[in-house]
N, C-alpha and C. Protein backbone atom coordinates (compact mmCIF):
# COMPACT_ATOMS: atom_id res chain seq x y z
N UNK A 1 0.79 -1.13 -0.07
CA UNK A 1 0.08 -0.17 -0.03
C UNK A 1 1.02 1.32 0.00
N UNK A 2 0.57 2.19 -1.04
CA UNK A 2 1.43 3.38 -1.04
C UNK A 2 0.65 4.45 -0.30
N UNK A 3 1.39 5.27 0.37
CA UNK A 3 0.80 6.58 0.87
C UNK A 3 0.96 7.67 -0.21
N UNK A 4 -0.17 8.20 -0.42
CA UNK A 4 -0.18 9.33 -1.48
C UNK A 4 -0.68 10.45 -0.84
N UNK A 5 0.08 11.57 -1.11
CA UNK A 5 -0.31 12.94 -0.68
C UNK A 5 -0.66 13.79 -1.89
N UNK A 6 -1.95 14.34 -1.96
CA UNK A 6 -2.29 15.13 -2.92
C UNK A 6 -1.60 16.54 -2.96
N UNK A 7 -1.11 16.92 -4.11
CA UNK A 7 -0.30 18.33 -3.99
C UNK A 7 -1.07 19.27 -4.82
N UNK A 8 -2.24 18.99 -5.03
CA UNK A 8 -3.07 19.90 -5.76
C UNK A 8 -3.26 21.23 -4.85
N UNK A 9 -2.96 22.41 -5.60
CA UNK A 9 -3.17 23.63 -4.77
C UNK A 9 -4.20 24.55 -5.43
N UNK A 10 -5.08 25.05 -4.62
CA UNK A 10 -6.04 26.09 -5.00
C UNK A 10 -5.33 27.23 -4.78
N UNK A 11 -4.69 27.84 -6.11
CA UNK A 11 -3.89 28.95 -6.03
C UNK A 11 -4.60 30.13 -5.56
N UNK A 12 -5.82 30.46 -6.17
CA UNK A 12 -6.45 31.55 -5.67
C UNK A 12 -6.78 31.73 -4.15
N UNK A 13 -7.11 30.62 -3.62
CA UNK A 13 -7.32 30.49 -2.12
C UNK A 13 -6.21 30.64 -1.44
N UNK A 14 -5.03 30.06 -2.01
CA UNK A 14 -3.76 30.27 -1.27
C UNK A 14 -3.13 31.89 -1.28
N UNK A 15 -3.42 32.40 -2.47
CA UNK A 15 -2.91 33.71 -2.58
C UNK A 15 -3.76 34.71 -1.65
N UNK A 16 -5.08 34.50 -1.58
CA UNK A 16 -5.94 35.19 -0.59
C UNK A 16 -5.54 35.01 0.68
N UNK A 17 -5.34 33.65 1.14
CA UNK A 17 -4.94 33.38 2.55
C UNK A 17 -3.73 34.04 2.83
N UNK A 18 -2.79 34.07 1.96
CA UNK A 18 -1.38 34.69 2.16
C UNK A 18 -1.57 36.20 2.27
N UNK A 19 -2.41 36.79 1.44
CA UNK A 19 -2.66 38.24 1.63
C UNK A 19 -3.24 38.63 2.90
N UNK A 20 -4.29 37.87 3.35
CA UNK A 20 -4.97 38.20 4.47
C UNK A 20 -4.01 37.89 5.71
N UNK A 21 -3.22 36.74 5.63
CA UNK A 21 -2.32 36.64 6.60
C UNK A 21 -1.13 37.81 6.80
N UNK A 22 -0.85 38.20 5.73
CA UNK A 22 0.04 39.38 5.72
C UNK A 22 -0.58 40.55 6.32
N UNK A 23 -1.92 40.79 6.22
CA UNK A 23 -2.37 41.75 7.04
C UNK A 23 -2.38 41.68 8.51
N UNK A 24 -2.53 40.33 8.75
CA UNK A 24 -2.59 39.76 10.26
C UNK A 24 -1.16 40.10 10.90
N UNK A 25 -0.10 39.87 10.01
CA UNK A 25 1.30 40.05 10.33
C UNK A 25 1.53 41.38 10.77
N UNK A 26 0.96 42.31 9.67
CA UNK A 26 1.17 43.91 9.92
C UNK A 26 0.41 44.38 11.09
N UNK A 27 -0.72 43.84 11.36
CA UNK A 27 -1.53 44.30 12.48
C UNK A 27 -0.71 44.03 13.71
N UNK A 28 -0.04 42.69 13.84
CA UNK A 28 0.66 42.39 14.92
C UNK A 28 1.87 43.25 15.10
N UNK A 29 2.55 43.59 13.89
CA UNK A 29 3.66 44.37 14.09
C UNK A 29 3.54 45.70 14.51
N UNK A 30 2.32 46.32 14.13
CA UNK A 30 2.02 47.70 14.63
C UNK A 30 1.77 47.55 16.10
N UNK A 31 1.03 46.53 16.55
CA UNK A 31 0.94 46.38 18.09
C UNK A 31 2.22 46.19 18.72
N UNK A 32 3.06 45.24 18.44
CA UNK A 32 4.25 45.21 19.05
C UNK A 32 5.34 46.35 19.08
N UNK A 33 5.13 47.24 17.92
CA UNK A 33 5.97 48.24 17.98
C UNK A 33 5.55 49.34 18.94
N UNK A 34 4.28 49.24 19.33
CA UNK A 34 3.72 50.23 20.46
C UNK A 34 4.05 49.60 21.84
N UNK A 35 3.75 48.32 21.89
CA UNK A 35 3.87 47.67 23.20
C UNK A 35 5.39 47.48 23.61
N UNK A 36 6.07 46.80 22.86
CA UNK A 36 7.45 46.56 23.22
C UNK A 36 8.48 47.72 22.69
N UNK A 37 8.01 48.89 22.10
CA UNK A 37 8.91 49.89 21.68
C UNK A 37 10.13 49.45 21.09
N UNK A 38 10.15 48.49 20.31
CA UNK A 38 11.37 47.92 19.64
C UNK A 38 11.28 48.34 18.01
N UNK A 39 11.91 49.33 17.60
CA UNK A 39 11.76 49.91 16.45
C UNK A 39 12.25 49.18 15.18
N UNK A 40 11.80 47.92 15.03
CA UNK A 40 12.07 47.12 13.77
C UNK A 40 10.89 46.95 12.89
N UNK A 41 10.67 47.89 12.14
CA UNK A 41 9.55 48.00 11.39
C UNK A 41 9.86 47.23 9.88
N UNK A 42 8.95 46.14 9.62
CA UNK A 42 9.24 45.62 8.34
C UNK A 42 8.97 46.43 7.17
N UNK A 43 8.14 47.21 7.27
CA UNK A 43 7.86 48.20 5.93
C UNK A 43 9.14 49.12 5.88
N UNK A 44 9.76 49.50 6.85
CA UNK A 44 10.95 50.27 6.56
C UNK A 44 12.12 49.32 6.07
N UNK A 45 12.16 48.15 6.51
CA UNK A 45 13.13 46.97 6.20
C UNK A 45 13.13 46.94 4.61
N UNK A 46 11.85 46.85 4.10
CA UNK A 46 11.49 46.36 2.68
C UNK A 46 11.53 47.78 1.92
N UNK A 47 11.06 48.79 2.43
CA UNK A 47 10.77 49.91 1.49
C UNK A 47 12.02 50.94 1.59
N UNK A 48 12.70 50.96 2.66
CA UNK A 48 13.79 52.03 2.65
C UNK A 48 14.79 51.91 1.55
N UNK A 49 15.36 50.86 1.14
CA UNK A 49 16.32 50.75 0.17
C UNK A 49 15.80 51.47 -1.23
N UNK A 50 14.57 51.60 -1.47
CA UNK A 50 14.09 52.21 -2.69
C UNK A 50 13.92 53.66 -2.84
N UNK A 51 14.00 54.35 -1.51
CA UNK A 51 13.67 55.84 -1.35
C UNK A 51 14.24 56.19 0.01
N UNK A 52 14.47 57.53 0.08
CA UNK A 52 14.99 58.30 1.32
C UNK A 52 13.80 58.70 1.96
N UNK A 53 12.61 59.01 1.38
CA UNK A 53 11.60 59.78 1.71
C UNK A 53 10.54 58.85 2.50
N UNK A 54 10.54 59.05 3.83
CA UNK A 54 9.78 58.24 4.88
C UNK A 54 8.36 58.14 4.26
N UNK A 55 7.77 59.27 3.83
CA UNK A 55 6.29 59.03 3.43
C UNK A 55 6.06 58.05 2.32
N UNK A 56 7.20 57.85 1.54
CA UNK A 56 7.08 56.78 0.50
C UNK A 56 7.64 55.37 0.83
N UNK A 57 8.62 55.43 1.78
CA UNK A 57 9.27 53.88 2.13
C UNK A 57 8.18 52.98 2.80
N UNK A 58 7.37 53.71 3.65
CA UNK A 58 6.36 52.97 4.21
C UNK A 58 5.67 52.23 3.45
N UNK A 59 4.74 52.94 2.57
CA UNK A 59 3.87 52.38 1.62
C UNK A 59 4.39 51.31 0.62
N UNK A 60 5.67 51.73 0.20
CA UNK A 60 6.50 50.85 -0.61
C UNK A 60 6.73 49.62 -0.04
N UNK A 61 7.13 49.60 1.23
CA UNK A 61 7.38 48.41 2.14
C UNK A 61 6.22 47.76 2.42
N UNK A 62 5.01 48.33 2.63
CA UNK A 62 3.81 47.58 2.71
C UNK A 62 3.40 46.77 1.51
N UNK A 63 3.59 47.48 0.38
CA UNK A 63 3.24 46.67 -0.86
C UNK A 63 4.12 45.54 -1.11
N UNK A 64 5.45 45.63 -0.93
CA UNK A 64 6.44 44.58 -1.02
C UNK A 64 6.05 43.48 -0.06
N UNK A 65 5.75 43.88 1.19
CA UNK A 65 5.28 42.84 2.31
C UNK A 65 3.95 42.16 1.78
N UNK A 66 3.02 42.82 1.41
CA UNK A 66 1.93 42.02 0.91
C UNK A 66 1.98 41.12 -0.21
N UNK A 67 2.96 41.47 -1.22
CA UNK A 67 3.40 40.68 -2.30
C UNK A 67 4.16 39.31 -1.89
N UNK A 68 5.12 39.61 -0.83
CA UNK A 68 5.97 38.49 -0.32
C UNK A 68 5.05 37.44 0.38
N UNK A 69 4.03 37.95 1.14
CA UNK A 69 3.12 37.20 1.83
C UNK A 69 2.11 36.28 0.98
N UNK A 70 1.69 36.99 -0.09
CA UNK A 70 0.88 36.40 -1.00
C UNK A 70 1.65 35.18 -1.72
N UNK A 71 3.03 35.51 -2.07
CA UNK A 71 3.75 34.22 -2.69
C UNK A 71 4.02 33.24 -1.60
N UNK A 72 4.25 33.75 -0.34
CA UNK A 72 4.50 32.64 0.57
C UNK A 72 3.14 31.81 0.80
N UNK A 73 2.12 32.51 0.69
CA UNK A 73 0.77 31.76 0.92
C UNK A 73 0.82 30.59 -0.20
N UNK A 74 1.16 30.94 -1.43
CA UNK A 74 1.19 29.99 -2.53
C UNK A 74 2.09 28.78 -2.36
N UNK A 75 3.33 29.10 -1.67
CA UNK A 75 4.17 28.12 -1.29
C UNK A 75 3.56 27.13 -0.23
N UNK A 76 2.80 27.80 0.84
CA UNK A 76 2.23 27.11 1.83
C UNK A 76 1.03 26.05 1.10
N UNK A 77 0.58 26.71 0.17
CA UNK A 77 -0.57 25.79 -0.47
C UNK A 77 -0.09 24.42 -1.05
N UNK A 78 1.25 24.61 -1.36
CA UNK A 78 1.84 23.36 -1.91
C UNK A 78 2.34 22.65 -0.61
N UNK A 79 2.98 23.19 0.32
CA UNK A 79 3.60 22.45 1.40
C UNK A 79 2.81 21.97 2.37
N UNK A 80 1.47 22.57 2.73
CA UNK A 80 0.69 22.12 3.71
C UNK A 80 0.31 20.75 3.46
N UNK A 81 0.35 20.13 2.35
CA UNK A 81 -0.03 18.64 2.19
C UNK A 81 1.00 17.80 2.66
N UNK A 82 2.10 18.36 2.82
CA UNK A 82 3.15 17.23 3.45
C UNK A 82 3.27 17.49 5.12
N UNK A 83 2.46 18.24 5.62
CA UNK A 83 2.43 18.56 7.15
C UNK A 83 1.23 17.78 7.65
N UNK A 84 1.36 17.65 9.04
CA UNK A 84 0.45 16.88 9.82
C UNK A 84 -0.03 17.85 11.00
N UNK A 85 -1.16 17.54 11.38
CA UNK A 85 -1.76 18.55 12.60
C UNK A 85 -2.85 19.48 12.15
N UNK A 86 -3.31 19.99 13.21
CA UNK A 86 -4.54 20.99 12.63
C UNK A 86 -4.01 22.10 11.73
N UNK A 87 -4.80 22.58 10.87
CA UNK A 87 -4.60 23.48 9.90
C UNK A 87 -3.75 24.70 10.65
N UNK A 88 -4.23 25.34 11.68
CA UNK A 88 -3.62 26.39 12.34
C UNK A 88 -2.22 26.15 12.72
N UNK A 89 -2.05 24.98 12.94
CA UNK A 89 -0.61 24.39 13.62
C UNK A 89 0.36 24.26 12.42
N UNK A 90 -0.20 23.89 11.22
CA UNK A 90 0.53 23.51 10.11
C UNK A 90 0.99 25.00 9.65
N UNK A 91 0.04 26.06 9.60
CA UNK A 91 0.60 27.30 9.21
C UNK A 91 1.50 27.97 10.21
N UNK A 92 1.33 27.55 11.41
CA UNK A 92 2.28 28.31 12.50
C UNK A 92 3.62 27.68 12.02
N UNK A 93 3.68 26.31 12.01
CA UNK A 93 5.13 25.71 11.95
C UNK A 93 5.60 26.16 10.60
N UNK A 94 4.87 26.12 9.50
CA UNK A 94 5.40 26.74 8.28
C UNK A 94 6.08 28.16 8.20
N UNK A 95 5.29 29.06 9.07
CA UNK A 95 5.72 30.44 9.02
C UNK A 95 6.99 30.60 9.96
N UNK A 96 6.97 29.67 11.14
CA UNK A 96 8.12 29.85 12.00
C UNK A 96 9.46 29.05 11.32
N UNK A 97 9.23 28.21 10.62
CA UNK A 97 10.26 27.77 9.80
C UNK A 97 10.96 28.71 8.80
N UNK A 98 10.01 29.39 8.14
CA UNK A 98 10.50 30.53 7.24
C UNK A 98 11.23 31.56 8.01
N UNK A 99 10.77 31.89 9.15
CA UNK A 99 11.34 32.92 10.04
C UNK A 99 12.80 32.45 10.34
N UNK A 100 12.84 31.19 10.76
CA UNK A 100 14.11 30.59 11.36
C UNK A 100 15.16 30.57 10.18
N UNK A 101 14.78 30.19 9.02
CA UNK A 101 15.68 30.12 7.85
C UNK A 101 16.32 31.49 7.54
N UNK A 102 15.22 32.42 7.38
CA UNK A 102 15.77 33.67 6.92
C UNK A 102 16.27 34.58 8.12
N UNK A 103 16.29 34.30 9.21
CA UNK A 103 16.66 35.13 10.40
C UNK A 103 18.18 35.62 10.35
N UNK A 104 19.03 34.52 9.83
CA UNK A 104 20.38 34.82 9.87
C UNK A 104 20.81 35.98 8.74
N UNK A 105 19.86 36.24 7.81
CA UNK A 105 20.15 37.33 6.98
C UNK A 105 20.16 38.77 7.59
N UNK A 106 19.47 38.86 8.85
CA UNK A 106 19.61 39.98 9.64
C UNK A 106 21.16 40.49 9.95
N UNK A 107 22.02 39.56 9.91
CA UNK A 107 23.40 40.00 10.01
C UNK A 107 23.80 40.94 8.93
N UNK A 108 23.38 40.37 7.60
CA UNK A 108 23.70 41.32 6.43
C UNK A 108 22.88 42.55 6.56
N UNK A 109 21.53 42.50 6.92
CA UNK A 109 20.84 43.71 7.05
C UNK A 109 21.39 44.71 8.06
N UNK A 110 22.01 44.25 9.17
CA UNK A 110 22.51 45.04 10.14
C UNK A 110 23.81 45.78 9.57
N UNK A 111 24.39 45.08 8.86
CA UNK A 111 25.80 45.62 8.24
C UNK A 111 25.65 46.60 7.18
N UNK A 112 24.63 46.26 6.12
CA UNK A 112 24.54 46.98 5.01
C UNK A 112 23.30 47.90 4.66
N UNK A 113 22.11 47.66 5.39
CA UNK A 113 20.78 48.21 4.93
C UNK A 113 21.12 49.76 5.33
N UNK A 114 20.60 50.59 4.39
CA UNK A 114 20.66 52.07 4.72
C UNK A 114 19.78 52.74 5.92
N UNK A 115 18.83 51.97 6.15
CA UNK A 115 18.03 52.37 7.46
C UNK A 115 18.81 52.12 8.68
N UNK A 116 19.58 51.03 8.62
CA UNK A 116 20.41 50.68 9.86
C UNK A 116 21.57 51.62 9.95
N UNK A 117 22.30 51.93 8.85
CA UNK A 117 23.32 52.81 8.91
C UNK A 117 22.93 54.20 9.41
N UNK A 118 21.55 54.67 9.02
CA UNK A 118 21.20 56.03 9.40
C UNK A 118 20.42 55.97 10.49
N UNK A 119 20.33 54.99 11.42
CA UNK A 119 19.52 54.84 12.61
C UNK A 119 18.09 54.89 12.63
N UNK A 120 17.56 54.33 11.44
CA UNK A 120 16.10 54.50 11.06
C UNK A 120 15.38 53.13 11.51
N UNK A 121 16.20 52.15 11.90
CA UNK A 121 15.77 50.81 12.03
C UNK A 121 16.62 50.12 13.17
N UNK A 122 15.95 49.51 14.13
CA UNK A 122 16.74 48.86 15.04
C UNK A 122 17.35 47.71 14.59
N UNK A 123 18.42 46.92 15.33
CA UNK A 123 19.09 45.89 14.93
C UNK A 123 18.14 44.66 14.72
N UNK A 124 18.45 44.01 13.68
CA UNK A 124 17.52 42.76 13.42
C UNK A 124 18.24 41.55 14.22
N UNK A 125 19.46 41.70 14.70
CA UNK A 125 20.21 40.45 15.34
C UNK A 125 20.25 40.69 16.81
N UNK A 126 19.22 40.45 17.42
CA UNK A 126 19.08 40.47 18.94
C UNK A 126 18.00 39.44 19.31
N UNK A 127 17.82 39.27 20.64
CA UNK A 127 16.88 38.49 21.21
C UNK A 127 15.39 39.22 21.04
N UNK A 128 15.32 40.45 21.22
CA UNK A 128 14.19 41.20 21.08
C UNK A 128 13.82 41.15 19.57
N UNK A 129 14.60 41.32 18.63
CA UNK A 129 14.41 41.25 17.25
C UNK A 129 13.77 39.74 16.80
N UNK A 130 14.49 38.65 17.46
CA UNK A 130 13.97 37.37 17.24
C UNK A 130 12.61 37.22 17.76
N UNK A 131 12.45 37.77 18.99
CA UNK A 131 11.06 37.67 19.67
C UNK A 131 9.99 38.22 18.74
N UNK A 132 10.18 39.49 18.23
CA UNK A 132 9.10 40.09 17.34
C UNK A 132 9.00 39.34 16.10
N UNK A 133 10.03 38.80 15.66
CA UNK A 133 9.88 37.94 14.44
C UNK A 133 8.97 36.78 14.74
N UNK A 134 9.22 36.06 15.84
CA UNK A 134 8.40 34.97 16.24
C UNK A 134 6.88 35.39 16.32
N UNK A 135 6.59 36.47 17.09
CA UNK A 135 5.28 36.79 17.21
C UNK A 135 4.53 37.29 16.04
N UNK A 136 5.36 37.91 15.20
CA UNK A 136 4.66 38.37 13.79
C UNK A 136 4.39 37.17 12.83
N UNK A 137 5.50 36.13 12.85
CA UNK A 137 5.16 34.99 12.05
C UNK A 137 4.17 34.25 12.53
N UNK A 138 3.99 34.23 13.97
CA UNK A 138 2.78 33.29 14.47
C UNK A 138 1.52 33.98 14.00
N UNK A 139 1.41 35.32 13.93
CA UNK A 139 0.23 35.95 13.53
C UNK A 139 -0.13 35.46 12.13
N UNK A 140 0.94 35.54 11.25
CA UNK A 140 0.77 35.24 9.92
C UNK A 140 0.44 33.69 9.66
N UNK A 141 1.27 32.86 10.38
CA UNK A 141 1.10 31.34 10.21
C UNK A 141 -0.17 30.82 10.71
N UNK A 142 -0.69 31.40 11.98
CA UNK A 142 -1.97 30.72 12.44
C UNK A 142 -3.16 31.17 11.46
N UNK A 143 -3.03 32.53 10.95
CA UNK A 143 -3.99 33.03 10.14
C UNK A 143 -4.00 32.36 8.71
N UNK A 144 -2.83 32.09 8.10
CA UNK A 144 -2.70 31.41 6.97
C UNK A 144 -3.24 30.17 7.10
N UNK A 145 -2.83 29.28 8.08
CA UNK A 145 -3.25 27.79 8.27
C UNK A 145 -4.88 27.79 8.49
N UNK A 146 -5.30 28.77 9.10
CA UNK A 146 -6.74 28.70 9.52
C UNK A 146 -7.59 29.05 8.18
N UNK A 147 -7.02 29.87 7.38
CA UNK A 147 -7.74 30.18 6.06
C UNK A 147 -7.53 29.19 5.03
N UNK A 148 -6.48 28.65 4.75
CA UNK A 148 -6.09 27.76 3.67
C UNK A 148 -6.46 26.41 4.14
N UNK A 149 -7.70 26.00 4.25
CA UNK A 149 -8.07 24.52 4.54
C UNK A 149 -8.73 24.02 3.30
N UNK A 150 -8.35 22.80 3.13
CA UNK A 150 -8.93 22.04 2.00
C UNK A 150 -10.57 22.12 2.09
N UNK A 151 -11.35 22.34 1.17
CA UNK A 151 -12.71 22.38 1.15
C UNK A 151 -13.26 23.69 2.00
N UNK A 152 -12.64 24.42 2.69
CA UNK A 152 -13.17 25.63 3.17
C UNK A 152 -13.21 26.77 2.30
N UNK A 153 -14.13 27.77 2.40
CA UNK A 153 -14.15 28.99 1.47
C UNK A 153 -13.72 30.06 2.51
N UNK A 154 -13.02 31.04 1.60
CA UNK A 154 -12.52 32.29 2.18
C UNK A 154 -13.55 33.32 1.74
N UNK A 155 -14.21 34.02 2.49
CA UNK A 155 -15.23 35.13 2.11
C UNK A 155 -14.68 36.38 1.97
């Protein structure tokens, strides 16, 4: 007897789930920026390399963030078939794995990013930065997993 996993992906659902999960990530980010007062803003991280104008880099970063989250939702649409457990847990594990894999890039960000050099972004290589990454990716992952369920509809 063979164990077969369906890898069929509902791309539209995965993209919508990724976009909505990106909004959950952004909401958590705005909350932790206020509560923890640790100024590591992902919109600055993503948008600042394109412009020196703060009123432009935040929306540019938000658009890039939404795009990344949507693409990551598509990857999750494929990957979730190979994971076990409740849907929210699959999403959580997927997002934390992405966080863990990409976190070492913060060493490069800290050294070369223009916002770091100009004091507009806190260090990405610290315990606090890792904590906010875990919190933000938890919001993204749980939302993604809850929304991208086989047979469920996203309204």
